């Protein structure tokens, strides 16, 4: 059977043995609620209840609904009243946030409140990612916004451009971009999706790690947090990674958020606006219903992706595809992950970790004993969690196989070859689960649903 995996821009068609494919795990293309249900009991509903024929019109409707009904917050217009400056934190190129439709109503609201264009800064919340180029900014925001507004990259390695705000209760130093700290009004625009350390992305993550200095990010990504069993995908309860960056963001200030939930076609399925925590929690609840897909038991083989462009541009980012599949693979099973990796491996610091330690076991011994620390080591630490459970095979045309094999990874020329080799090992009756969109889906095992295999 032919299945298309998300891969770079165009996707990757793979041929899999139909008798072995037990489940194809994809999120729904329909909202968990109809528009009419979302509008119910809202005083302004009459002006919004309209049926639209195109996804673009539906997206505009959802955005208007969110702005008219902010969660646990006064309206953005009221918040902006009397303010002289504003900073808007936006995701970098690695997140497919539909900024071109989300930003105009925000900017129009700020203009109507009297905040001049020259006093509005759009801060690209890069965290420790590389700065985005002007071409990428135009791709993310549209040429008009880039030409009309100050759009600047956060640079985590320049401590002098950050303001010190004390420490968290767990002794993480809080250094936040001074442009953010100095703004009178602080707005975050982002995407809610499963996250392999913080449970879910969005909300507070725009501030930390998005606008935090290297010193803050490294302390937040230390093994004492990442090795906690609850520091994992889809989990917020007693997750110290989530708790710490929520504390940091609230302390640094985030007055209003606009977050979206996307489906597998990258269409907006929900927009939440308002309080940093309450609005985000509402979005997470929606996303969990939309993006969660379960199977009744783990499988021998998982065929997945790193979600395609822009998430699969490097090996660093593509590790997330393997991490997202780890829960549904049997101990000793195999995860086969297809990823474009057209920008190579990742940062120099990330690659240096593999140079410094020949095996994943040596690397983990070093970081757990605090004998070693390197920027971006946390991604390898997450990879190590998967490798303790299963074999991981990457399929890519972006990085040479011999290079990837030095990164603790196994490789195959094609997905079909990797599957054939796995079936030889596990037997011709081995079960395969396929996650075409990789980490954009929250894949789980639900033993209480023994007949729900999503067999096609």
Foldseek 3Di string as FASTA:
>chain_A
DWDWFAAAPPTDIDDDDQLFALAAAFFDPAFPDDPVVVLPPPPVSVVLPDDDDDLVVVVLSQLVVQQVDADPFDHLLVLLAPFAAEEEEEEFFQAQFQQQNNVPVNVVSNVVNPHDQARYEYEHQQQQADFDDPVRVCVRHNPVPVVRHHYYYAHQAPQVQWDWLQADPVGQTWTFGVSLLPGPAYEYEEEWFWDFFQQIDDQLVSGVSRGTHPSRNQVLLACVQRVPPQRGTNHHVVRSSNVRSVVSDVSSDHFKYWYFYAGLVRRTRHIHMGDSPRRVVVVSVSLCNRFEDAAQAAFQEEEHELQHPPQQQALLSGLQLLLLNQARHAFAHEYEYEYANQVYHGDPQLLVLLVVDQALVVSVVCSVVVVDDTPSVSSSVSSVVSVNGYAYEYEYPRYDQVSVVSVVHHYDPDPVVVVVVRCVVVHVNTHYYYHSRGRRHRYHHDNVCNPPSNRD
